[in-house]
Amino acid sequence: MKSTQWKRPASSAACLAGAVSLLSVSFPGFAAEWSGWLNAEARYYGQTGEQVEEQTYPSAAAQLEFAHSLSERDQFTAALFVRGDSVDDERNYADVREFLWLHDAEAYQLRAGVGQISWGVNELFKITDLINQKDRAELPFQRKLGQPLMSLSFYWGEDLIELYSLYDVRSAWYPGEDGRLRYPILVNTDDEEYERGATGRWDLAGRWKTRLWDMDIALSHFYGVTRDPYFIFNYDFNDPYLVPVYEKVNQSSLEWQYLVRDVILRAEFTYQTGSLEQFESVAGGFEYTFGSVFESDYDLTWYVEGIWDSREHIYGTLFDRDVGVAARLAFNDERDSNLVLGVVADTRYDEAFATLFWSNTFGESWTFNVAGQYFHANDERYDPRDFIPFFEQLVLENPASPQSIERLLDLVGDVTISKKQFERIEQFIRDLQQPDYWAGINTDTVPQTLFDLLRISDNSQKMNLIERDSYIQMDVYYHF
C-alpha cells in the first residue's frame, strides 16, 4: 500500500531542494522572507506491538516557509513540509501546508490557494474544527494537512462573516504494516470510497462570529465530505484490509466562550446529518490560571473539559463520553520551559490515556521536546478462546450451517452500518452457504481475521487494541 498524500519524494533532502527550486523560479528577483525548521525525532515503545516487533522509530522532518509582499494589499505565503521515517514507509510523505495568496482590502479579505483554517474554542476536544484534515502522522502534535480553498471574509457591523469554497478532502493517513498505533487489520488508502453528493469535489462552509453580552459566539455550517471516514472490510481473506469511506455531510456548529473573572468558560456544539446516523455532540469546560504559584515565577494553568456524543457506535473518533484534565506549568524562564500533563478518561468503558509534553529552548535556534502517551484499559478483553473455535468451525463446515449463520449474525448485533456495508455482509452470508466457498482461500488466517474484525467493531475494545503502544518521544528542532 502507498500513501495517498500529494507526493512522496525519494528523500527528505530531495523534496526540500525541489521546494526551494520551485519558489526561486516562481519569484525571481524579489526580496523574500525565508524561515523554517529541521527536526530529528526518536520514538520508543515500551513493549512490542500486537502485530509489530519494532520498538524504536527514528525519523526526520523539515518545514520551509516563505513570505513575500506582492503589494501593499497582496501577500503570498507558502509552507512546505516533509517527513521521513526509517521504519514505517507510510510515514514517508510531503505536504503543502500553505500556498496562499491573500488580498486585504479595506472592506473585505480574499484568500485563494492552499491554507490552514482553525475553528473552535476548546483546548482538548475540538469538535467544530473540520476545515482541514488532521495530520495523523504527526500526532500527538496538532498539525493539519493543507486544504485547497478560496475564502471571503468581511465585517457586517461588528460581526465577522467568513465564507469558504473548498476543493476536495485530503485523505487521512494511517500507519503501514511496520507502523504502530494501528488496527490489527491494515487500512488501505489506495481503495478509498467517496460519496460526494450533489456538489462533487467542491465543499462549502460559512461562519458568523459575534460578541453578545460579553460572550464570544460563533455559528458555522459545513457542507462537504467528512474528514473522519468509517471503514468497511474488503472481504478478501487472502489480502484482508479495511477501506475508508468518506461521506458528504451537513454539520451545523455553535462555539461559545465567556470570561468570568479569571475563569474562561468554553463550549462547542455540533449537529450532523448525512453520516451513518445523524447525531449531536457537545464538548466544553473551563480554563483557569494560577499566577506566580507559591510566590514563584511559575504559572499553572488548568484545563478541564468533557465531551458527549449521541452515537452509540463511534467510527471516526476515540472520544464519545470522555472527561479530560490537563495542567500546563510555565516556568517563565529564559528557555521558555513548559510542562504539560493530561489525562483523558472514558466514563463509559473505564478506559483512559495519559499524555506528557515537555518543551524548552536552548541557544538561539534550538528547541528540545519530550512527549509521551500511556494507554490503559480496564475493561475485559475479548478472549480468542471464546471466538476462534467458532470461526474455525465456520471454515470447516463449508457450506455454513443455519446455526453458524445465526450465531454470526448475533455477533454483528446492533452495530450501525451503512446500506452499502449491509449489502456486502448479506452477500458474504450468502456466499458462506455455497459449497466450496473457501476453495482457493488461505483459510489458516481466516479465524484470526474474523476475530480482529469483531474487536475493531466493538467500542468497548478501542483502547485494548492500542494499550501496548504506549511510547516516549524526543524531538530536537533547529529553527532558521
Protein backbone atom coordinates (compact mmCIF):
# COMPACT_ATOMS: atom_id res chain seq x y z
CA MET A 1 0.00 0.00 0.00
CA LYS A 2 1.10 3.52 -0.69
CA SER A 3 0.10 6.71 0.99
CA THR A 4 -2.29 8.98 -0.86
CA GLN A 5 -0.51 12.18 0.13
CA TRP A 6 0.18 14.55 -2.74
CA LYS A 7 3.76 13.47 -3.38
CA ARG A 8 6.19 11.01 -1.94
CA PRO A 9 9.78 12.14 -2.63
CA ALA A 10 12.80 9.86 -2.88
CA SER A 11 14.19 11.52 0.23
CA SER A 12 13.56 14.44 2.58
CA ALA A 13 16.53 16.31 1.11
CA ALA A 14 15.22 15.88 -2.43
CA CYS A 15 11.81 17.27 -1.50
CA LEU A 16 13.32 20.25 0.30
CA ALA A 17 15.62 21.04 -2.61
CA GLY A 18 12.68 20.81 -5.00
CA ALA A 19 10.64 23.22 -2.91
CA VAL A 20 13.46 25.79 -2.86
CA SER A 21 13.89 25.46 -6.61
CA LEU A 22 10.16 25.92 -7.24
CA LEU A 23 9.92 29.09 -5.21
CA SER A 24 13.11 30.52 -6.69
CA VAL A 25 11.73 30.09 -10.20
CA SER A 26 8.32 31.46 -9.30
CA PHE A 27 9.62 34.66 -7.73
CA PRO A 28 12.93 35.64 -9.37
CA GLY A 29 14.49 38.85 -8.16
CA PHE A 30 12.01 39.52 -5.35
CA ALA A 31 13.07 40.10 -1.76
CA ALA A 32 11.56 37.33 0.31
CA GLU A 33 11.40 36.22 3.91
CA TRP A 34 12.57 32.66 4.42
CA SER A 35 12.23 30.66 7.61
CA GLY A 36 11.58 27.13 8.77
CA TRP A 37 12.91 24.32 10.87
CA LEU A 38 14.65 20.95 10.80
CA ASN A 39 13.60 18.14 13.13
CA ALA A 40 15.19 14.93 14.39
CA GLU A 41 12.77 12.62 16.19
CA ALA A 42 13.05 9.32 18.06
CA ARG A 43 10.03 7.43 19.36
CA TYR A 44 10.36 4.41 21.64
CA TYR A 45 7.57 1.96 22.55
CA GLY A 46 7.93 0.16 25.86
CA GLN A 47 6.61 -3.15 24.52
CA THR A 48 6.47 -4.97 21.23
CA GLY A 49 3.18 -4.46 19.47
CA GLU A 50 0.47 -6.99 18.79
CA GLN A 51 1.39 -7.08 15.10
CA VAL A 52 4.81 -5.38 15.09
CA GLU A 53 8.03 -6.31 16.92
CA GLU A 54 9.76 -2.97 16.26
CA GLN A 55 10.02 -0.64 19.26
CA THR A 56 12.30 2.21 18.10
CA TYR A 57 11.23 4.62 15.35
CA PRO A 58 13.77 7.28 14.29
CA SER A 59 12.59 9.90 11.80
CA ALA A 60 13.43 13.35 10.45
CA ALA A 61 11.35 16.25 9.17
CA ALA A 62 11.72 19.73 7.74
CA GLN A 63 9.45 22.68 7.08
CA LEU A 64 10.35 25.53 4.75
CA GLU A 65 8.33 28.75 4.98
CA PHE A 66 8.25 31.65 2.56
CA ALA A 67 6.51 35.04 2.72
CA HIS A 68 6.51 37.88 0.20
CA SER A 69 4.51 41.10 -0.04
CA LEU A 70 3.38 41.50 -3.64
CA SER A 71 1.93 44.95 -2.97
CA GLU A 72 0.51 46.97 -0.10
CA ARG A 73 -2.60 44.80 -0.09
CA ASP A 74 -1.38 41.49 -1.53
CA GLN A 75 0.76 38.88 0.13
CA PHE A 76 1.94 35.40 -0.80
CA THR A 77 2.89 32.76 1.79
CA ALA A 78 3.98 29.16 1.43
CA ALA A 79 4.94 26.37 3.82
CA LEU A 80 6.22 23.01 2.58
CA PHE A 81 6.62 20.05 4.96
CA VAL A 82 8.36 16.70 4.58
CA ARG A 83 8.73 13.72 6.94
CA GLY A 84 10.90 10.62 6.55
CA ASP A 85 10.59 7.58 8.84
CA SER A 86 13.19 4.80 8.91
CA VAL A 87 10.67 2.06 9.84
CA ASP A 88 7.12 2.92 8.73
CA ASP A 89 7.15 3.52 4.96
CA GLU A 90 3.71 5.08 5.12
CA ARG A 91 5.20 7.93 7.15
CA ASN A 92 7.48 9.00 4.29
CA TYR A 93 5.49 11.84 2.78
CA ALA A 94 5.43 15.50 1.80
CA ASP A 95 2.68 18.05 2.18
CA VAL A 96 1.96 21.60 1.06
CA ARG A 97 0.86 23.14 4.34
CA GLU A 98 0.27 26.54 2.75
CA PHE A 99 0.49 28.06 -0.71
CA LEU A 100 -1.74 31.07 -0.34
CA TRP A 101 -2.44 34.41 -1.94
CA LEU A 102 -4.06 36.93 0.41
CA HIS A 103 -5.68 40.22 -0.69
CA ASP A 104 -6.51 42.55 2.19
CA ALA A 105 -8.88 45.35 1.12
CA GLU A 106 -10.49 47.92 3.42
CA ALA A 107 -13.88 46.21 3.44
CA TYR A 108 -13.01 42.56 2.88
CA GLN A 109 -10.25 39.94 2.69
CA LEU A 110 -9.77 37.33 -0.06
CA ARG A 111 -7.69 34.17 0.15
CA ALA A 112 -7.01 31.57 -2.52
CA GLY A 113 -4.71 28.57 -2.72
CA VAL A 114 -3.82 26.03 -0.03
CA GLY A 115 -4.39 27.22 3.52
CA GLN A 116 -4.88 26.45 7.19
CA ILE A 117 -8.17 27.32 8.92
CA SER A 118 -8.91 26.85 12.63
CA TRP A 119 -12.37 26.86 14.18
CA GLY A 120 -13.44 26.25 17.76
CA VAL A 121 -12.60 27.45 21.26
CA ASN A 122 -11.85 24.24 23.17
CA GLU A 123 -8.35 23.13 24.10
CA LEU A 124 -8.86 19.38 24.42
CA PHE A 125 -11.94 18.37 22.40
CA LYS A 126 -12.14 20.37 19.16
CA ILE A 127 -15.34 19.05 17.61
CA THR A 128 -16.13 22.06 15.37
CA ASP A 129 -12.69 22.31 13.70
CA LEU A 130 -13.23 20.41 10.45
CA ILE A 131 -11.99 22.50 7.50
CA ASN A 132 -8.51 20.95 7.39
CA GLN A 133 -7.75 17.26 7.63
CA LYS A 134 -5.72 16.40 10.73
CA ASP A 135 -2.18 15.25 10.04
CA ARG A 136 -2.48 11.95 11.89
CA ALA A 137 1.10 11.03 11.06
CA GLU A 138 2.25 13.90 13.31
CA LEU A 139 0.20 13.07 16.39
CA PRO A 140 0.34 13.95 19.27
CA PHE A 141 1.13 17.37 17.76
CA GLN A 142 -1.97 19.16 16.47
CA ARG A 143 -0.83 19.71 12.89
CA LYS A 144 -3.01 19.81 9.80
CA LEU A 145 -2.75 18.99 6.12
CA GLY A 146 -3.08 21.92 3.73
CA GLN A 147 -6.57 22.45 2.29
CA PRO A 148 -7.22 23.83 -1.22
CA LEU A 149 -9.68 26.67 -0.71
CA MET A 150 -11.00 30.10 -1.57
CA SER A 151 -12.42 32.35 1.12
CA LEU A 152 -14.05 35.74 1.54
CA SER A 153 -14.23 37.41 4.96
CA PHE A 154 -15.70 40.78 5.91
CA TYR A 155 -17.28 42.64 8.80
CA TRP A 156 -21.02 43.21 8.88
CA GLY A 157 -21.25 45.88 11.51
CA GLU A 158 -19.15 44.44 14.32
CA ASP A 159 -19.76 40.82 13.27
CA LEU A 160 -17.24 38.80 11.28
CA ILE A 161 -18.54 36.78 8.31
CA GLU A 162 -16.38 34.07 6.69
CA LEU A 163 -17.38 32.19 3.51
CA TYR A 164 -15.43 29.25 2.12
CA SER A 165 -15.30 27.20 -1.05
CA LEU A 166 -13.20 24.07 -0.51
CA TYR A 167 -11.86 21.70 -3.15
CA ASP A 168 -11.90 18.02 -2.23
CA VAL A 169 -10.95 16.31 1.01
CA ARG A 170 -7.40 15.41 1.94
CA SER A 171 -7.07 11.70 2.55
CA ALA A 172 -6.48 10.69 6.18
CA TRP A 173 -3.20 8.96 6.99
CA TYR A 174 -2.94 5.52 8.60
CA PRO A 175 0.12 3.52 9.70
CA GLY A 176 1.63 0.94 7.40
CA GLU A 177 2.49 -2.68 8.02
CA ASP A 178 5.50 -1.77 10.18
CA GLY A 179 3.78 1.12 11.95
CA ARG A 180 2.39 1.29 15.46
CA LEU A 181 -0.87 2.68 16.89
CA ARG A 182 -2.80 0.81 14.21
CA TYR A 183 -5.63 -1.67 13.81
CA PRO A 184 -4.80 -5.38 13.64
CA ILE A 185 -6.07 -5.20 10.04
CA LEU A 186 -4.36 -2.61 7.85
CA VAL A 187 -6.20 0.34 6.32
CA ASN A 188 -5.77 0.53 2.54
CA THR A 189 -5.85 4.17 1.47
CA ASP A 190 -5.49 3.25 -2.22
CA ASP A 191 -9.07 1.92 -2.41
CA GLU A 192 -10.89 4.70 -0.57
CA GLU A 193 -14.55 5.21 -1.38
CA TYR A 194 -16.31 8.57 -1.59
CA GLU A 195 -19.93 9.65 -1.53
CA ARG A 196 -19.52 13.21 -2.78
CA GLY A 197 -23.15 14.28 -3.15
CA ALA A 198 -24.55 16.98 -5.42
CA THR A 199 -21.53 19.31 -5.34
CA GLY A 200 -18.98 16.64 -6.20
CA ARG A 201 -15.45 17.57 -5.14
CA TRP A 202 -16.48 21.08 -4.06
CA ASP A 203 -17.46 21.71 -0.44
CA LEU A 204 -18.96 24.84 1.12
CA ALA A 205 -18.69 26.38 4.57
CA GLY A 206 -19.62 29.59 6.36
CA ARG A 207 -19.07 31.09 9.81
CA TRP A 208 -20.55 34.05 11.66
CA LYS A 209 -18.75 35.35 14.74
CA THR A 210 -20.17 37.97 17.09
CA ARG A 211 -19.94 39.26 20.66
CA LEU A 212 -23.12 39.27 22.72
CA TRP A 213 -23.44 40.23 26.40
CA ASP A 214 -19.65 39.92 26.86
CA MET A 215 -19.74 36.43 25.33
CA ASP A 216 -17.92 35.35 22.16
CA ILE A 217 -20.29 33.35 19.96
CA ALA A 218 -19.77 31.78 16.55
CA LEU A 219 -22.23 29.90 14.35
CA SER A 220 -20.97 27.85 11.42
CA HIS A 221 -22.15 25.37 8.83
CA PHE A 222 -20.16 22.89 6.77
CA TYR A 223 -21.49 21.03 3.74
CA GLY A 224 -18.88 18.66 2.44
CA VAL A 225 -17.07 15.37 2.67
CA THR A 226 -16.36 14.36 6.25
CA ARG A 227 -12.74 14.40 7.41
CA ASP A 228 -13.32 11.30 9.58
CA PRO A 229 -14.17 8.22 7.48
CA TYR A 230 -15.70 4.98 8.65
CA PHE A 231 -14.36 1.62 7.49
CA ILE A 232 -15.66 -1.37 5.59
CA PHE A 233 -13.99 -4.76 5.14
CA ASN A 234 -12.94 -5.82 1.64
CA TYR A 235 -13.97 -9.47 2.23
CA ASP A 236 -10.78 -10.69 0.56
CA PHE A 237 -9.37 -13.18 3.07
CA ASN A 238 -6.21 -13.72 1.02
CA ASP A 239 -5.45 -9.98 1.26
CA PRO A 240 -7.65 -8.56 4.03
CA TYR A 241 -7.74 -4.84 4.67
CA LEU A 242 -10.08 -2.04 5.74
CA VAL A 243 -11.39 0.50 3.24
CA PRO A 244 -12.03 4.11 4.38
CA VAL A 245 -15.39 5.55 3.28
CA TYR A 246 -15.89 9.32 3.18
CA GLU A 247 -19.45 10.67 3.19
CA LYS A 248 -20.98 14.02 2.31
CA VAL A 249 -22.37 15.57 5.49
CA ASN A 250 -24.06 18.70 6.80
CA GLN A 251 -22.71 19.91 10.12
CA SER A 252 -24.04 22.92 11.99
CA SER A 253 -21.94 24.16 14.90
CA LEU A 254 -22.01 26.64 17.76
CA GLU A 255 -18.97 27.96 19.63
CA TRP A 256 -19.31 29.80 22.94
CA GLN A 257 -16.72 31.45 25.19
CA TYR A 258 -17.19 33.61 28.27
CA LEU A 259 -14.70 35.15 30.68
CA VAL A 260 -15.84 35.19 34.32
CA ARG A 261 -13.16 36.94 36.36
CA ASP A 262 -10.13 34.68 35.91
CA VAL A 263 -12.02 31.67 34.55
CA ILE A 264 -12.58 31.12 30.82
CA LEU A 265 -15.69 29.05 30.12
CA ARG A 266 -15.88 27.31 26.75
CA ALA A 267 -18.30 25.08 24.86
CA GLU A 268 -18.80 23.69 21.36
CA PHE A 269 -21.97 22.10 19.96
CA THR A 270 -22.44 20.22 16.68
CA TYR A 271 -25.33 18.61 14.84
CA GLN A 272 -24.51 16.43 11.85
CA THR A 273 -26.65 14.69 9.24
CA GLY A 274 -25.72 12.67 6.20
CA SER A 275 -23.34 10.30 8.00
CA LEU A 276 -24.19 6.77 9.10
CA GLU A 277 -26.57 8.27 11.63
CA GLN A 278 -27.50 11.82 12.50
CA PHE A 279 -26.02 12.82 15.82
CA GLU A 280 -25.38 15.64 18.24
CA SER A 281 -22.25 16.27 20.25
CA VAL A 282 -21.24 18.77 22.90
CA ALA A 283 -17.85 19.47 24.43
CA GLY A 284 -16.81 22.13 26.88
CA GLY A 285 -15.24 23.09 30.16
CA PHE A 286 -13.08 25.78 31.66
CA GLU A 287 -9.53 27.15 31.84
CA TYR A 288 -8.03 28.76 34.93
CA THR A 289 -4.53 30.09 35.55
CA PHE A 290 -2.81 30.37 38.94
CA GLY A 291 -0.21 33.09 38.53
CA SER A 292 3.05 33.03 40.50
CA VAL A 293 2.40 29.64 42.10
CA PHE A 294 3.70 29.54 45.68
CA GLU A 295 5.15 33.03 45.15
CA SER A 296 7.43 31.71 42.37
CA ASP A 297 7.85 32.75 38.77
CA TYR A 298 5.78 29.74 37.66
CA ASP A 299 2.27 29.97 36.20
CA LEU A 300 -0.04 26.95 36.41
CA THR A 301 -2.97 26.68 34.00
CA TRP A 302 -5.70 24.07 34.38
CA TYR A 303 -7.87 22.80 31.52
CA VAL A 304 -10.93 20.71 32.35
CA GLU A 305 -13.26 19.57 29.56
CA GLY A 306 -15.79 16.87 28.84
CA ILE A 307 -17.38 15.52 25.68
CA TRP A 308 -20.65 13.74 24.97
CA ASP A 309 -21.69 12.23 21.65
CA SER A 310 -25.16 10.81 20.96
CA ARG A 311 -23.90 8.00 18.72
CA GLU A 312 -23.88 4.52 20.22
CA HIS A 313 -21.13 3.43 17.83
CA ILE A 314 -18.24 5.77 17.12
CA TYR A 315 -16.34 5.38 13.86
CA GLY A 316 -14.19 8.47 13.41
CA THR A 317 -13.08 9.30 16.96
CA LEU A 318 -11.98 7.72 20.21
CA PHE A 319 -13.94 10.27 22.20
CA ASP A 320 -17.67 9.96 22.84
CA ARG A 321 -18.25 10.09 26.60
CA ASP A 322 -14.94 11.27 27.99
CA VAL A 323 -13.53 13.70 30.52
CA GLY A 324 -10.15 15.38 30.09
CA VAL A 325 -7.97 17.18 32.66
CA ALA A 326 -4.69 18.86 31.75
CA ALA A 327 -2.26 21.14 33.56
CA ARG A 328 0.34 23.39 31.95
CA LEU A 329 3.22 24.66 34.08
CA ALA A 330 5.02 27.63 32.51
CA PHE A 331 8.42 28.24 34.13
CA ASN A 332 8.73 31.74 32.60
CA ASP A 333 12.49 31.31 32.30
CA GLU A 334 15.00 32.19 29.62
CA ARG A 335 14.50 28.80 27.99
CA ASP A 336 10.72 29.20 27.75
CA SER A 337 10.31 25.90 29.60
CA ASN A 338 6.83 24.36 29.71
CA LEU A 339 5.48 21.13 31.16
CA VAL A 340 2.04 19.74 30.24
CA LEU A 341 0.42 16.72 31.91
CA GLY A 342 -3.02 15.46 30.97
CA VAL A 343 -5.42 12.55 31.35
CA VAL A 344 -8.47 11.66 29.24
CA ALA A 345 -10.81 9.04 30.71
CA ASP A 346 -13.74 7.26 29.09
CA THR A 347 -16.62 7.33 31.56
CA ARG A 348 -18.44 4.54 29.76
CA TYR A 349 -15.84 1.80 29.33
CA ASP A 350 -13.34 2.67 32.07
CA GLU A 351 -10.54 3.33 29.58
CA ALA A 352 -8.01 6.15 29.78
CA PHE A 353 -4.80 7.52 28.41
CA ALA A 354 -2.29 9.95 29.87
CA THR A 355 -0.07 12.38 27.98
CA LEU A 356 3.09 14.28 28.84
CA PHE A 357 4.79 17.13 27.00
CA TRP A 358 7.96 19.00 27.97
CA SER A 359 9.45 21.78 25.88
CA ASN A 360 12.30 24.24 26.23
CA THR A 361 14.72 26.16 24.06
CA PHE A 362 18.49 26.32 24.19
CA GLY A 363 20.80 28.62 22.32
CA GLU A 364 19.23 30.99 19.83
CA SER A 365 17.83 28.43 17.40
CA TRP A 366 17.22 25.11 19.15
CA THR A 367 14.18 23.55 20.81
CA PHE A 368 14.03 20.26 22.70
CA ASN A 369 10.71 18.46 23.28
CA VAL A 370 9.78 15.30 25.13
CA ALA A 371 6.32 13.83 24.54
CA GLY A 372 4.75 10.62 25.73
CA GLN A 373 1.43 8.79 25.89
CA TYR A 374 0.35 5.95 28.13
CA PHE A 375 -2.74 3.90 27.24
CA HIS A 376 -4.69 1.96 29.84
CA ALA A 377 -7.75 -0.28 29.54
CA ASN A 378 -9.52 -1.93 32.46
CA ASP A 379 -12.39 -3.48 30.53
CA GLU A 380 -12.20 -7.18 29.82
CA ARG A 381 -10.60 -8.02 26.50
CA TYR A 382 -12.18 -10.36 24.02
CA ASP A 383 -10.73 -13.79 24.70
CA PRO A 384 -9.74 -15.61 21.47
CA ARG A 385 -10.74 -18.90 23.10
CA ASP A 386 -14.35 -17.70 23.14
CA PHE A 387 -14.47 -16.93 19.41
CA ILE A 388 -11.65 -18.56 17.43
CA PRO A 389 -13.08 -22.13 17.77
CA PHE A 390 -16.38 -20.95 16.29
CA PHE A 391 -14.64 -19.23 13.37
CA GLU A 392 -12.57 -22.38 12.76
CA GLN A 393 -15.78 -24.40 12.70
CA LEU A 394 -17.29 -21.91 10.25
CA VAL A 395 -14.41 -22.50 7.86
CA LEU A 396 -14.57 -26.31 8.19
CA GLU A 397 -18.34 -26.62 7.59
CA ASN A 398 -18.27 -25.24 4.04
CA PRO A 399 -21.18 -24.60 3.42
CA ALA A 400 -22.05 -22.98 6.72
CA SER A 401 -24.90 -24.44 8.74
CA PRO A 402 -28.01 -22.39 9.64
CA GLN A 403 -26.88 -22.46 13.29
CA SER A 404 -23.49 -20.98 12.43
CA ILE A 405 -25.08 -18.27 10.29
CA GLU A 406 -27.42 -17.36 13.13
CA ARG A 407 -24.56 -17.03 15.62
CA LEU A 408 -22.52 -14.99 13.13
CA LEU A 409 -25.42 -12.55 12.77
CA ASP A 410 -25.74 -12.37 16.56
CA LEU A 411 -22.10 -11.29 16.77
CA VAL A 412 -22.81 -8.39 14.41
CA GLY A 413 -25.51 -7.33 16.87
CA ASP A 414 -26.93 -3.83 16.60
CA VAL A 415 -23.81 -2.18 15.17
CA THR A 416 -24.77 0.77 12.99
CA ILE A 417 -23.61 0.22 9.40
CA SER A 418 -24.22 1.82 6.04
CA LYS A 419 -26.54 0.39 3.39
CA LYS A 420 -23.54 -0.49 1.24
CA GLN A 421 -21.85 -2.32 4.09
CA PHE A 422 -25.09 -4.13 4.95
CA GLU A 423 -25.35 -5.34 1.35
CA ARG A 424 -21.78 -6.64 1.49
CA ILE A 425 -22.48 -8.52 4.72
CA GLU A 426 -25.60 -10.01 3.14
CA GLN A 427 -23.55 -11.18 0.16
CA PHE A 428 -20.92 -12.67 2.48
CA ILE A 429 -23.63 -14.60 4.37
CA ARG A 430 -24.99 -15.95 1.07
CA ASP A 431 -21.51 -16.93 -0.04
CA LEU A 432 -20.90 -18.86 3.17
CA GLN A 433 -23.90 -21.04 2.37
CA GLN A 434 -22.47 -22.06 -1.00
CA PRO A 435 -20.38 -25.25 -1.33
CA ASP A 436 -16.63 -24.75 -1.68
CA TYR A 437 -16.74 -21.03 -0.80
CA TRP A 438 -13.37 -21.37 0.91
CA ALA A 439 -11.76 -23.07 -2.08
CA GLY A 440 -8.71 -21.07 -3.19
CA ILE A 441 -8.65 -19.09 0.06
CA ASN A 442 -5.88 -19.43 2.63
CA THR A 443 -8.16 -20.49 5.47
CA ASP A 444 -5.36 -20.65 8.04
CA THR A 445 -5.64 -16.92 8.70
CA VAL A 446 -9.44 -16.56 8.34
CA PRO A 447 -10.39 -17.24 12.01
CA GLN A 448 -7.92 -14.61 13.27
CA THR A 449 -9.12 -12.10 10.65
CA LEU A 450 -12.76 -12.57 11.71
CA PHE A 451 -11.76 -12.23 15.36
CA ASP A 452 -9.88 -8.98 14.61
CA LEU A 453 -12.91 -7.60 12.75
CA LEU A 454 -15.08 -8.38 15.76
CA ARG A 455 -12.72 -6.48 18.08
CA ILE A 456 -12.44 -3.47 15.76
CA SER A 457 -16.22 -3.13 15.54
CA ASP A 458 -16.74 -3.03 19.33
CA ASN A 459 -16.35 0.36 21.05
CA SER A 460 -15.50 -1.25 24.37
CA GLN A 461 -12.30 -2.66 22.87
CA LYS A 462 -10.90 0.51 21.26
CA MET A 463 -8.22 1.17 23.92
CA ASN A 464 -7.43 -2.53 24.27
CA LEU A 465 -6.31 -2.51 20.64
CA ILE A 466 -3.55 0.03 21.34
CA GLU A 467 -2.71 -0.47 25.03
CA ARG A 468 0.69 -1.97 24.17
CA ASP A 469 1.56 1.11 22.12
CA SER A 470 2.45 3.44 24.99
CA TYR A 471 5.52 5.42 23.97
CA ILE A 472 8.01 8.17 24.75
CA GLN A 473 9.20 10.55 22.04
CA MET A 474 12.06 13.06 21.83
CA ASP A 475 12.28 15.87 19.27
CA VAL A 476 15.09 18.29 18.54
CA TYR A 477 14.30 21.30 16.32
CA TYR A 478 16.68 23.70 14.65
CA HIS A 479 14.93 26.93 13.63
CA PHE A 480 16.30 29.15 10.88
